């Protein structure tokens, strides 16, 4: 991954991990050890799903830029659907507290999206490649098109 992609990944993953740590403490206080385990598992699921999604989206942007927006919309819809499937699959588990898991999943997802949006807005990414064949000082640019 290019350094800018890694920077965006870190700027999204670190706040999500912080939200997960707070959720683990709250889960431990409210529901005991099962609540803390549920919050930690949910945080790992969010970071894994969203990190893979960001990687796929960055690869799509580089190889198929005309599909970037559609891929982004489809990817977020698929991620939210998969997260709902995880909540449904683990709603009756005894491995951890399902309420702490579900609430941390939602909070972590919202934290990731907010942090990724902030990181992308603050990054200075060129969306137009500078043209190396641009006219130099004193050179007149070629005229193209109608001159009326």
N, C-alpha and C. Protein backbone atom coordinates (compact mmCIF):
# COMPACT_ATOMS: atom_id res chain seq x y z
N UNK A 1 0.85 -1.18 0.00
CA UNK A 1 0.00 0.00 0.00
C UNK A 1 0.89 1.24 0.00
N UNK A 2 0.54 2.24 -0.79
CA UNK A 2 1.29 3.49 -0.73
C UNK A 2 1.15 4.15 0.64
N UNK A 3 2.08 5.04 0.96
CA UNK A 3 2.13 5.62 2.30
C UNK A 3 0.85 6.39 2.64
N UNK A 4 0.24 7.03 1.65
CA UNK A 4 -0.99 7.77 1.92
C UNK A 4 -2.12 6.82 2.33
N UNK A 5 -2.19 5.65 1.71
CA UNK A 5 -3.20 4.66 2.06
C UNK A 5 -2.99 4.14 3.47
N UNK A 6 -1.73 3.88 3.81
CA UNK A 6 -1.41 3.41 5.16
C UNK A 6 -1.76 4.48 6.19
N UNK A 7 -1.50 5.73 5.86
CA UNK A 7 -1.82 6.83 6.76
C UNK A 7 -3.32 6.89 7.02
N UNK A 8 -4.12 6.77 5.96
CA UNK A 8 -5.58 6.79 6.13
C UNK A 8 -6.03 5.58 6.94
N UNK A 9 -5.43 4.41 6.69
CA UNK A 9 -5.77 3.21 7.45
C UNK A 9 -5.48 3.40 8.93
N UNK A 10 -4.31 3.93 9.25
CA UNK A 10 -3.96 4.15 10.66
C UNK A 10 -4.85 5.20 11.31
N UNK A 11 -5.16 6.27 10.55
CA UNK A 11 -6.00 7.33 11.11
C UNK A 11 -7.44 6.87 11.32
N UNK A 12 -7.83 5.79 10.70
CA UNK A 12 -9.15 5.22 10.94
C UNK A 12 -9.10 4.10 11.99
N UNK A 13 -8.05 3.31 11.98
CA UNK A 13 -7.97 2.17 12.89
C UNK A 13 -7.69 2.58 14.33
N UNK A 14 -6.88 3.59 14.54
CA UNK A 14 -6.51 3.99 15.91
C UNK A 14 -7.73 4.51 16.69
N UNK A 15 -8.53 5.45 16.13
CA UNK A 15 -9.73 5.86 16.88
C UNK A 15 -10.72 4.72 17.09
N UNK A 16 -10.81 3.82 16.13
CA UNK A 16 -11.71 2.67 16.29
C UNK A 16 -11.23 1.77 17.43
N UNK A 17 -9.92 1.56 17.52
CA UNK A 17 -9.37 0.77 18.62
C UNK A 17 -9.59 1.47 19.96
N UNK A 18 -9.50 2.80 19.96
CA UNK A 18 -9.76 3.54 21.21
C UNK A 18 -11.21 3.39 21.63
N UNK A 19 -12.12 3.48 20.68
CA UNK A 19 -13.55 3.27 20.99
C UNK A 19 -13.75 1.84 21.51
N UNK A 20 -13.07 0.88 20.90
CA UNK A 20 -13.16 -0.50 21.37
C UNK A 20 -12.62 -0.69 22.77
N UNK A 21 -11.54 0.01 23.10
CA UNK A 21 -10.98 -0.09 24.46
C UNK A 21 -11.95 0.48 25.49
N UNK A 22 -12.55 1.62 25.16
CA UNK A 22 -13.55 2.21 26.08
C UNK A 22 -14.74 1.26 26.21
N UNK A 23 -15.17 0.70 25.09
CA UNK A 23 -16.30 -0.24 25.12
C UNK A 23 -15.97 -1.49 25.93
N UNK A 24 -14.72 -1.94 25.87
CA UNK A 24 -14.32 -3.11 26.66
C UNK A 24 -14.38 -2.82 28.15
N UNK A 25 -13.95 -1.62 28.53
CA UNK A 25 -14.01 -1.23 29.94
C UNK A 25 -15.47 -1.13 30.39
N UNK A 26 -16.30 -0.47 29.58
CA UNK A 26 -17.72 -0.34 29.92
C UNK A 26 -18.38 -1.71 29.95
N UNK A 27 -18.05 -2.57 28.97
CA UNK A 27 -18.61 -3.92 28.95
C UNK A 27 -18.19 -4.73 30.15
N UNK A 28 -16.94 -4.56 30.60
CA UNK A 28 -16.47 -5.28 31.78
C UNK A 28 -17.19 -4.81 33.04
N UNK A 29 -17.45 -3.51 33.13
CA UNK A 29 -18.15 -2.97 34.30
C UNK A 29 -19.60 -3.42 34.31
N UNK A 30 -20.24 -3.36 33.16
CA UNK A 30 -21.67 -3.66 33.08
C UNK A 30 -21.95 -5.16 33.05
N UNK A 31 -21.22 -5.91 32.23
CA UNK A 31 -21.54 -7.32 32.02
C UNK A 31 -20.43 -8.28 32.44
N UNK A 32 -19.41 -7.77 33.08
CA UNK A 32 -18.32 -8.64 33.52
C UNK A 32 -17.36 -8.98 32.41
N UNK A 33 -16.67 -10.09 32.57
CA UNK A 33 -15.67 -10.52 31.59
C UNK A 33 -16.26 -10.82 30.23
N UNK A 34 -17.48 -11.35 30.20
CA UNK A 34 -18.12 -11.63 28.91
C UNK A 34 -18.37 -10.35 28.12
N UNK A 35 -18.70 -9.27 28.80
CA UNK A 35 -18.91 -7.99 28.13
C UNK A 35 -17.62 -7.45 27.53
N UNK A 36 -16.52 -7.60 28.26
CA UNK A 36 -15.22 -7.14 27.75
C UNK A 36 -14.79 -7.98 26.54
N UNK A 37 -15.00 -9.28 26.60
CA UNK A 37 -14.63 -10.15 25.48
C UNK A 37 -15.49 -9.80 24.26
N UNK A 38 -16.78 -9.59 24.47
CA UNK A 38 -17.66 -9.21 23.36
C UNK A 38 -17.23 -7.92 22.70
N UNK A 39 -16.84 -6.94 23.50
CA UNK A 39 -16.39 -5.65 22.96
C UNK A 39 -15.08 -5.81 22.19
N UNK A 40 -14.17 -6.60 22.70
CA UNK A 40 -12.89 -6.80 22.01
C UNK A 40 -13.09 -7.54 20.69
N UNK A 41 -13.92 -8.57 20.69
CA UNK A 41 -14.20 -9.32 19.46
C UNK A 41 -14.86 -8.40 18.43
N UNK A 42 -15.81 -7.60 18.86
CA UNK A 42 -16.48 -6.68 17.94
C UNK A 42 -15.51 -5.66 17.36
N UNK A 43 -14.61 -5.15 18.18
CA UNK A 43 -13.62 -4.19 17.69
C UNK A 43 -12.71 -4.83 16.65
N UNK A 44 -12.28 -6.04 16.91
CA UNK A 44 -11.43 -6.75 15.93
C UNK A 44 -12.18 -7.01 14.63
N UNK A 45 -13.46 -7.36 14.72
CA UNK A 45 -14.26 -7.61 13.52
C UNK A 45 -14.39 -6.32 12.70
N UNK A 46 -14.67 -5.20 13.38
CA UNK A 46 -14.82 -3.92 12.67
C UNK A 46 -13.51 -3.53 11.99
N UNK A 47 -12.41 -3.60 12.71
CA UNK A 47 -11.12 -3.21 12.13
C UNK A 47 -10.76 -4.13 10.96
N UNK A 48 -11.02 -5.42 11.09
CA UNK A 48 -10.72 -6.35 10.01
C UNK A 48 -11.59 -6.09 8.79
N UNK A 49 -12.90 -6.00 8.97
CA UNK A 49 -13.81 -5.78 7.84
C UNK A 49 -13.54 -4.45 7.16
N UNK A 50 -13.44 -3.39 7.94
CA UNK A 50 -13.28 -2.07 7.36
C UNK A 50 -11.88 -1.91 6.76
N UNK A 51 -10.88 -2.52 7.36
CA UNK A 51 -9.53 -2.46 6.80
C UNK A 51 -9.44 -3.17 5.46
N UNK A 52 -10.05 -4.34 5.37
CA UNK A 52 -10.07 -5.06 4.09
C UNK A 52 -10.85 -4.25 3.06
N UNK A 53 -11.95 -3.65 3.48
CA UNK A 53 -12.74 -2.82 2.57
C UNK A 53 -11.96 -1.63 2.04
N UNK A 54 -11.21 -0.98 2.92
CA UNK A 54 -10.39 0.15 2.49
C UNK A 54 -9.32 -0.30 1.51
N UNK A 55 -8.72 -1.44 1.76
CA UNK A 55 -7.71 -1.97 0.85
C UNK A 55 -8.31 -2.25 -0.52
N UNK A 56 -9.46 -2.91 -0.55
CA UNK A 56 -10.13 -3.23 -1.82
C UNK A 56 -10.50 -1.95 -2.55
N UNK A 57 -10.99 -0.96 -1.82
CA UNK A 57 -11.38 0.30 -2.44
C UNK A 57 -10.19 1.04 -3.03
N UNK A 58 -9.07 1.03 -2.33
CA UNK A 58 -7.87 1.69 -2.84
C UNK A 58 -7.34 0.97 -4.09
N UNK A 59 -7.39 -0.35 -4.10
CA UNK A 59 -6.96 -1.11 -5.29
C UNK A 59 -7.87 -0.83 -6.47
N UNK A 60 -9.17 -0.71 -6.20
CA UNK A 60 -10.11 -0.41 -7.27
C UNK A 60 -9.86 0.99 -7.82
N UNK A 61 -9.57 1.93 -6.94
CA UNK A 61 -9.32 3.31 -7.38
C UNK A 61 -8.11 3.38 -8.30
N UNK A 62 -7.12 2.56 -8.05
CA UNK A 62 -5.91 2.60 -8.87
C UNK A 62 -6.07 1.84 -10.19
N UNK A 63 -6.76 0.71 -10.15
CA UNK A 63 -6.86 -0.09 -11.36
C UNK A 63 -8.09 0.22 -12.21
N UNK A 64 -9.21 0.54 -11.58
CA UNK A 64 -10.45 0.83 -12.31
C UNK A 64 -11.07 2.12 -11.77
N UNK A 65 -10.48 3.27 -12.03
CA UNK A 65 -10.97 4.51 -11.43
C UNK A 65 -12.41 4.87 -11.82
N UNK A 66 -12.86 4.41 -12.96
CA UNK A 66 -14.23 4.72 -13.37
C UNK A 66 -15.27 3.96 -12.55
N UNK A 67 -14.87 2.92 -11.83
CA UNK A 67 -15.78 2.16 -10.98
C UNK A 67 -15.67 2.53 -9.50
N UNK A 68 -14.86 3.54 -9.19
CA UNK A 68 -14.55 3.86 -7.79
C UNK A 68 -15.79 4.19 -6.97
N UNK A 69 -16.63 5.09 -7.45
CA UNK A 69 -17.79 5.52 -6.68
C UNK A 69 -18.78 4.37 -6.50
N UNK A 70 -19.07 3.66 -7.56
CA UNK A 70 -20.00 2.53 -7.47
C UNK A 70 -19.44 1.45 -6.55
N UNK A 71 -18.14 1.20 -6.64
CA UNK A 71 -17.52 0.19 -5.79
C UNK A 71 -17.57 0.61 -4.33
N UNK A 72 -17.37 1.89 -4.06
CA UNK A 72 -17.44 2.38 -2.69
C UNK A 72 -18.82 2.19 -2.10
N UNK A 73 -19.85 2.53 -2.85
CA UNK A 73 -21.22 2.36 -2.36
C UNK A 73 -21.55 0.89 -2.14
N UNK A 74 -21.17 0.05 -3.09
CA UNK A 74 -21.42 -1.38 -2.96
C UNK A 74 -20.65 -1.98 -1.79
N UNK A 75 -19.42 -1.53 -1.61
CA UNK A 75 -18.58 -2.05 -0.54
C UNK A 75 -19.15 -1.71 0.84
N UNK A 76 -19.56 -0.45 1.03
CA UNK A 76 -20.13 -0.08 2.33
C UNK A 76 -21.44 -0.82 2.59
N UNK A 77 -22.26 -0.99 1.57
CA UNK A 77 -23.50 -1.75 1.75
C UNK A 77 -23.19 -3.20 2.14
N UNK A 78 -22.22 -3.80 1.48
CA UNK A 78 -21.84 -5.18 1.79
C UNK A 78 -21.26 -5.29 3.20
N UNK A 79 -20.45 -4.31 3.60
CA UNK A 79 -19.88 -4.35 4.95
C UNK A 79 -20.96 -4.25 6.02
N UNK A 80 -21.90 -3.35 5.84
CA UNK A 80 -22.98 -3.20 6.82
C UNK A 80 -23.82 -4.48 6.87
N UNK A 81 -24.10 -5.06 5.71
CA UNK A 81 -24.85 -6.31 5.66
C UNK A 81 -24.10 -7.43 6.38
N UNK A 82 -22.80 -7.55 6.15
CA UNK A 82 -22.01 -8.58 6.82
C UNK A 82 -21.95 -8.35 8.34
N UNK A 83 -21.89 -7.10 8.75
CA UNK A 83 -21.89 -6.82 10.19
C UNK A 83 -23.23 -7.20 10.82
N UNK A 84 -24.34 -6.95 10.12
CA UNK A 84 -25.64 -7.39 10.62
C UNK A 84 -25.71 -8.92 10.70
N UNK A 85 -25.11 -9.59 9.72
CA UNK A 85 -25.08 -11.05 9.74
C UNK A 85 -24.29 -11.54 10.96
N UNK A 86 -23.18 -10.87 11.27
CA UNK A 86 -22.40 -11.24 12.46
C UNK A 86 -23.22 -11.07 13.72
N UNK A 87 -23.96 -9.97 13.83
CA UNK A 87 -24.80 -9.75 15.00
C UNK A 87 -25.85 -10.85 15.10
N UNK A 88 -26.50 -11.19 13.99
CA UNK A 88 -27.52 -12.23 14.00
C UNK A 88 -26.93 -13.60 14.33
N UNK A 89 -25.75 -13.88 13.81
CA UNK A 89 -25.13 -15.19 14.04
C UNK A 89 -24.70 -15.38 15.50
N UNK A 90 -24.31 -14.30 16.16
CA UNK A 90 -23.80 -14.41 17.52
C UNK A 90 -24.78 -13.89 18.57
N UNK A 91 -26.05 -13.75 18.23
CA UNK A 91 -26.99 -13.17 19.19
C UNK A 91 -27.29 -14.10 20.37
N UNK A 92 -27.14 -15.40 20.20
CA UNK A 92 -27.41 -16.34 21.29
C UNK A 92 -26.15 -17.06 21.76
N UNK A 93 -25.00 -16.46 21.56
CA UNK A 93 -23.75 -17.12 21.93
C UNK A 93 -23.51 -17.05 23.43
N UNK A 94 -22.74 -17.99 23.91
CA UNK A 94 -22.34 -17.97 25.32
C UNK A 94 -20.85 -17.64 25.45
N UNK A 95 -20.19 -17.40 24.31
CA UNK A 95 -18.77 -17.07 24.35
C UNK A 95 -18.52 -15.69 24.91
N UNK A 96 -19.46 -14.76 24.67
CA UNK A 96 -19.34 -13.39 25.14
C UNK A 96 -20.73 -12.78 25.22
N UNK A 97 -20.80 -11.59 25.78
CA UNK A 97 -22.09 -10.90 25.93
C UNK A 97 -22.53 -10.34 24.57
N UNK A 98 -23.67 -10.82 24.03
CA UNK A 98 -24.08 -10.37 22.70
C UNK A 98 -24.48 -8.90 22.64
N UNK A 99 -24.98 -8.35 23.73
CA UNK A 99 -25.36 -6.92 23.71
C UNK A 99 -24.12 -6.04 23.64
N UNK A 100 -23.10 -6.38 24.42
CA UNK A 100 -21.86 -5.61 24.36
C UNK A 100 -21.22 -5.75 22.98
N UNK A 101 -21.31 -6.95 22.40
CA UNK A 101 -20.79 -7.19 21.06
C UNK A 101 -21.51 -6.31 20.04
N UNK A 102 -22.84 -6.32 20.07
CA UNK A 102 -23.62 -5.57 19.08
C UNK A 102 -23.41 -4.07 19.23
N UNK A 103 -23.44 -3.57 20.46
CA UNK A 103 -23.27 -2.13 20.66
C UNK A 103 -21.86 -1.67 20.28
N UNK A 104 -20.87 -2.47 20.59
CA UNK A 104 -19.49 -2.13 20.20
C UNK A 104 -19.32 -2.20 18.69
N UNK A 105 -19.98 -3.15 18.05
CA UNK A 105 -19.94 -3.26 16.60
C UNK A 105 -20.47 -1.99 15.94
N UNK A 106 -21.60 -1.50 16.44
CA UNK A 106 -22.19 -0.27 15.89
C UNK A 106 -21.29 0.93 16.19
N UNK A 107 -20.85 1.05 17.43
CA UNK A 107 -20.00 2.19 17.81
C UNK A 107 -18.67 2.17 17.06
N UNK A 108 -18.08 1.00 16.91
CA UNK A 108 -16.82 0.88 16.18
C UNK A 108 -16.97 1.21 14.70
N UNK A 109 -18.07 0.77 14.10
CA UNK A 109 -18.32 1.07 12.70
C UNK A 109 -18.51 2.57 12.49
N UNK A 110 -19.27 3.20 13.35
CA UNK A 110 -19.47 4.65 13.25
C UNK A 110 -18.16 5.40 13.47
N UNK A 111 -17.35 4.93 14.42
CA UNK A 111 -16.05 5.57 14.67
C UNK A 111 -15.14 5.41 13.46
N UNK A 112 -15.13 4.23 12.85
CA UNK A 112 -14.29 4.00 11.67
C UNK A 112 -14.72 4.93 10.53
N UNK A 113 -16.00 4.98 10.25
CA UNK A 113 -16.48 5.80 9.14
C UNK A 113 -16.16 7.27 9.37
N UNK A 114 -16.38 7.76 10.59
CA UNK A 114 -16.08 9.16 10.90
C UNK A 114 -14.58 9.44 10.79
N UNK A 115 -13.76 8.54 11.31
CA UNK A 115 -12.31 8.75 11.27
C UNK A 115 -11.77 8.63 9.85
N UNK A 116 -12.31 7.71 9.06
CA UNK A 116 -11.86 7.58 7.68
C UNK A 116 -12.27 8.81 6.86
N UNK A 117 -13.46 9.30 7.11
CA UNK A 117 -13.92 10.52 6.42
C UNK A 117 -13.02 11.69 6.77
N UNK A 118 -12.71 11.84 8.05
CA UNK A 118 -11.83 12.94 8.49
C UNK A 118 -10.44 12.80 7.88
N UNK A 119 -9.90 11.59 7.88
CA UNK A 119 -8.56 11.36 7.32
C UNK A 119 -8.53 11.66 5.83
N UNK A 120 -9.58 11.27 5.13
CA UNK A 120 -9.61 11.53 3.69
C UNK A 120 -9.76 13.03 3.40
N UNK A 121 -10.55 13.71 4.20
CA UNK A 121 -10.74 15.15 3.99
C UNK A 121 -9.47 15.94 4.29
N UNK A 122 -8.66 15.48 5.23
CA UNK A 122 -7.44 16.19 5.60
C UNK A 122 -6.25 15.82 4.71
N UNK A 123 -6.35 14.70 3.99
CA UNK A 123 -5.23 14.31 3.13
C UNK A 123 -5.21 15.17 1.88
N UNK A 124 -4.04 15.39 1.39
CA UNK A 124 -3.87 16.20 0.19
C UNK A 124 -3.53 15.27 -0.96
N UNK A 125 -4.58 14.74 -1.58
CA UNK A 125 -4.42 13.80 -2.67
C UNK A 125 -4.70 14.54 -3.98
N UNK A 126 -3.75 14.46 -4.91
CA UNK A 126 -3.97 15.06 -6.21
C UNK A 126 -5.02 14.24 -6.96
N UNK A 127 -6.03 14.89 -7.44
CA UNK A 127 -7.02 14.16 -8.22
C UNK A 127 -6.82 14.38 -9.71
N UNK A 128 -5.86 15.23 -10.07
CA UNK A 128 -5.46 15.43 -11.46
C UNK A 128 -3.95 15.29 -11.50
N UNK A 129 -3.45 14.45 -12.40
CA UNK A 129 -2.01 14.30 -12.55
C UNK A 129 -1.45 15.54 -13.22
N UNK A 130 -0.44 16.18 -12.62
CA UNK A 130 0.16 17.33 -13.29
C UNK A 130 0.77 16.90 -14.63
N UNK A 131 0.55 17.71 -15.66
CA UNK A 131 1.04 17.38 -17.00
C UNK A 131 2.47 17.87 -17.14
N UNK A 132 3.38 16.96 -17.46
CA UNK A 132 4.79 17.34 -17.60
C UNK A 132 5.04 18.03 -18.93
N UNK A 133 4.12 17.94 -19.88
CA UNK A 133 4.31 18.59 -21.17
C UNK A 133 3.62 19.95 -21.22
N UNK A 134 3.33 20.53 -20.06
CA UNK A 134 2.70 21.85 -20.01
C UNK A 134 3.68 22.89 -20.54
N UNK A 135 3.18 24.00 -21.09
CA UNK A 135 4.07 25.02 -21.65
C UNK A 135 4.98 25.61 -20.58
N UNK A 136 6.21 25.86 -20.98
CA UNK A 136 7.20 26.45 -20.07
C UNK A 136 7.04 27.97 -20.08
N UNK A 137 7.83 28.64 -19.28
CA UNK A 137 7.79 30.12 -19.24
C UNK A 137 8.11 30.68 -20.62
N UNK A 138 7.28 31.55 -21.11
CA UNK A 138 7.51 32.19 -22.39
C UNK A 138 6.93 31.42 -23.56
N UNK A 139 6.68 30.12 -23.42
CA UNK A 139 6.07 29.35 -24.49
C UNK A 139 4.57 29.63 -24.51
N UNK A 140 4.02 29.71 -25.70
CA UNK A 140 2.58 29.90 -25.83
C UNK A 140 1.92 28.54 -25.92
N UNK A 141 0.82 28.36 -25.21
CA UNK A 141 0.13 27.09 -25.31
C UNK A 141 -0.52 26.93 -26.68
N UNK A 142 -0.62 25.68 -27.11
CA UNK A 142 -1.28 25.41 -28.38
C UNK A 142 -2.77 25.71 -28.25
N UNK A 143 -3.33 26.29 -29.29
CA UNK A 143 -4.76 26.56 -29.28
C UNK A 143 -5.46 25.36 -29.89
N UNK A 144 -6.46 24.92 -29.21
CA UNK A 144 -7.27 23.82 -29.72
C UNK A 144 -8.71 24.22 -29.69
N UNK A 145 -9.50 23.68 -30.56
CA UNK A 145 -10.92 23.97 -30.56
C UNK A 145 -11.23 25.22 -31.38
N UNK A 146 -12.46 25.68 -31.29
CA UNK A 146 -12.93 26.84 -32.04
C UNK A 146 -12.37 28.12 -31.45
N UNK A 147 -12.11 29.09 -32.29
CA UNK A 147 -11.57 30.35 -31.82
C UNK A 147 -12.59 31.47 -31.97
N UNK A 148 -13.87 31.15 -32.07
CA UNK A 148 -14.87 32.18 -32.26
C UNK A 148 -15.38 32.75 -30.97
